[in-house]
Amino acid sequence: MARPDHASAAEIQTYLSGMEYPASKQQLAEHAEQQGATLGVRTVIDALPDDEYSDAAAVSRAVGAVE
């Protein structure tokens, strides 16, 4: 059963569509929020390291590390 407080890297990328990189964790969170991100997406982004992400693949790698 899916947890409402968790999201996959693929789901997170849906809410980061159109994101301009490089981007900080805060910018990722703001963009996802503007796109109507679910609780799970917001929770996972909040758990990411406070880094600058060079591209979508870097975000996906970071998501995989916090899962």
C-alpha atoms as a PDB file:
ATOM      1  CA  MET A   1       0.000   0.000   0.000  1.00  0.00           C
ATOM      2  CA  ALA A   2       1.341   3.449  -0.907  1.00  0.00           C
ATOM      3  CA  ARG A   3       2.248   5.757   1.928  1.00  0.00           C
ATOM      4  CA  PRO A   4       0.703   9.243   1.690  1.00  0.00           C
ATOM      5  CA  ASP A   5       3.876  10.781   3.142  1.00  0.00           C
ATOM      6  CA  HIS A   6       6.195   9.315   0.494  1.00  0.00           C
ATOM      7  CA  ALA A   7       6.715   9.692  -3.252  1.00  0.00           C
ATOM      8  CA  SER A   8       8.882   8.002  -5.856  1.00  0.00           C
ATOM      9  CA  ALA A   9      11.531   9.825  -7.858  1.00  0.00           C
ATOM     10  CA  ALA A  10       9.283   9.524 -10.928  1.00  0.00           C
ATOM     11  CA  GLU A  11       6.350  11.133  -9.118  1.00  0.00           C
ATOM     12  CA  ILE A  12       8.557  13.949  -7.853  1.00  0.00           C
ATOM     13  CA  GLN A  13       9.818  14.609 -11.384  1.00  0.00           C
ATOM     14  CA  THR A  14       6.194  15.089 -12.488  1.00  0.00           C
ATOM     15  CA  TYR A  15       5.945  18.071 -10.141  1.00  0.00           C
ATOM     16  CA  LEU A  16       9.363  19.398 -11.162  1.00  0.00           C
ATOM     17  CA  SER A  17       8.476  19.516 -14.851  1.00  0.00           C
ATOM     18  CA  GLY A  18       9.708  22.808 -16.311  1.00  0.00           C
ATOM     19  CA  MET A  19      12.168  23.364 -13.456  1.00  0.00           C
ATOM     20  CA  GLU A  20      15.205  25.422 -14.422  1.00  0.00           C
ATOM     21  CA  TYR A  21      18.496  23.949 -13.220  1.00  0.00           C
ATOM     22  CA  PRO A  22      20.738  24.361 -11.366  1.00  0.00           C
ATOM     23  CA  ALA A  23      18.288  24.714  -8.501  1.00  0.00           C
ATOM     24  CA  SER A  24      18.495  24.752  -4.733  1.00  0.00           C
ATOM     25  CA  LYS A  25      16.406  22.521  -2.491  1.00  0.00           C
ATOM     26  CA  GLN A  26      14.281  25.587  -1.660  1.00  0.00           C
ATOM     27  CA  GLN A  27      13.679  26.302  -5.348  1.00  0.00           C
ATOM     28  CA  LEU A  28      12.675  22.667  -5.911  1.00  0.00           C
ATOM     29  CA  ALA A  29      10.215  22.870  -3.020  1.00  0.00           C
ATOM     30  CA  GLU A  30       8.714  26.149  -4.251  1.00  0.00           C
ATOM     31  CA  HIS A  31       8.330  24.875  -7.821  1.00  0.00           C
ATOM     32  CA  ALA A  32       6.731  21.611  -6.701  1.00  0.00           C
ATOM     33  CA  GLU A  33       4.341  23.540  -4.440  1.00  0.00           C
ATOM     34  CA  GLN A  34       3.324  25.790  -7.350  1.00  0.00           C
ATOM     35  CA  GLN A  35       2.616  22.644  -9.383  1.00  0.00           C
ATOM     36  CA  GLY A  36       0.267  21.309  -6.691  1.00  0.00           C
ATOM     37  CA  ALA A  37       2.632  18.735  -5.167  1.00  0.00           C
ATOM     38  CA  THR A  38       1.160  16.076  -2.920  1.00  0.00           C
ATOM     39  CA  LEU A  39       2.106  15.672   0.742  1.00  0.00           C
ATOM     40  CA  GLY A  40       4.398  12.792  -0.226  1.00  0.00           C
ATOM     41  CA  VAL A  41       6.286  14.869  -2.776  1.00  0.00           C
ATOM     42  CA  ARG A  42       6.694  17.751  -0.333  1.00  0.00           C
ATOM     43  CA  THR A  43       7.850  15.393   2.427  1.00  0.00           C
ATOM     44  CA  VAL A  44      10.536  13.799   0.253  1.00  0.00           C
ATOM     45  CA  ILE A  45      11.798  17.148  -1.067  1.00  0.00           C
ATOM     46  CA  ASP A  46      11.985  18.411   2.525  1.00  0.00           C
ATOM     47  CA  ALA A  47      14.162  15.384   3.388  1.00  0.00           C
ATOM     48  CA  LEU A  48      16.678  16.084   0.594  1.00  0.00           C
ATOM     49  CA  PRO A  49      20.110  17.474   1.470  1.00  0.00           C
ATOM     50  CA  ASP A  50      20.305  21.259   1.343  1.00  0.00           C
ATOM     51  CA  ASP A  51      22.341  21.254  -1.877  1.00  0.00           C
ATOM     52  CA  GLU A  52      22.218  22.731  -5.350  1.00  0.00           C
ATOM     53  CA  TYR A  53      20.980  20.236  -7.939  1.00  0.00           C
ATOM     54  CA  SER A  54      22.471  20.413 -11.433  1.00  0.00           C
ATOM     55  CA  ASP A  55      19.661  18.575 -13.216  1.00  0.00           C
ATOM     56  CA  ALA A  56      16.668  16.259 -12.812  1.00  0.00           C
ATOM     57  CA  ALA A  57      18.963  13.218 -12.599  1.00  0.00           C
ATOM     58  CA  ALA A  58      20.757  14.739  -9.594  1.00  0.00           C
ATOM     59  CA  VAL A  59      17.386  15.166  -7.862  1.00  0.00           C
ATOM     60  CA  SER A  60      16.451  11.552  -8.619  1.00  0.00           C
ATOM     61  CA  ARG A  61      19.779  10.315  -7.207  1.00  0.00           C
ATOM     62  CA  ALA A  62      19.215  12.334  -4.037  1.00  0.00           C
ATOM     63  CA  VAL A  63      15.666  10.969  -3.700  1.00  0.00           C
ATOM     64  CA  GLY A  64      17.045   7.433  -4.011  1.00  0.00           C
ATOM     65  CA  ALA A  65      19.496   8.137  -1.188  1.00  0.00           C
ATOM     66  CA  VAL A  66      16.763   9.242   1.238  1.00  0.00           C
ATOM     67  CA  GLU A  67      14.381   6.353   0.488  1.00  0.00           C
END
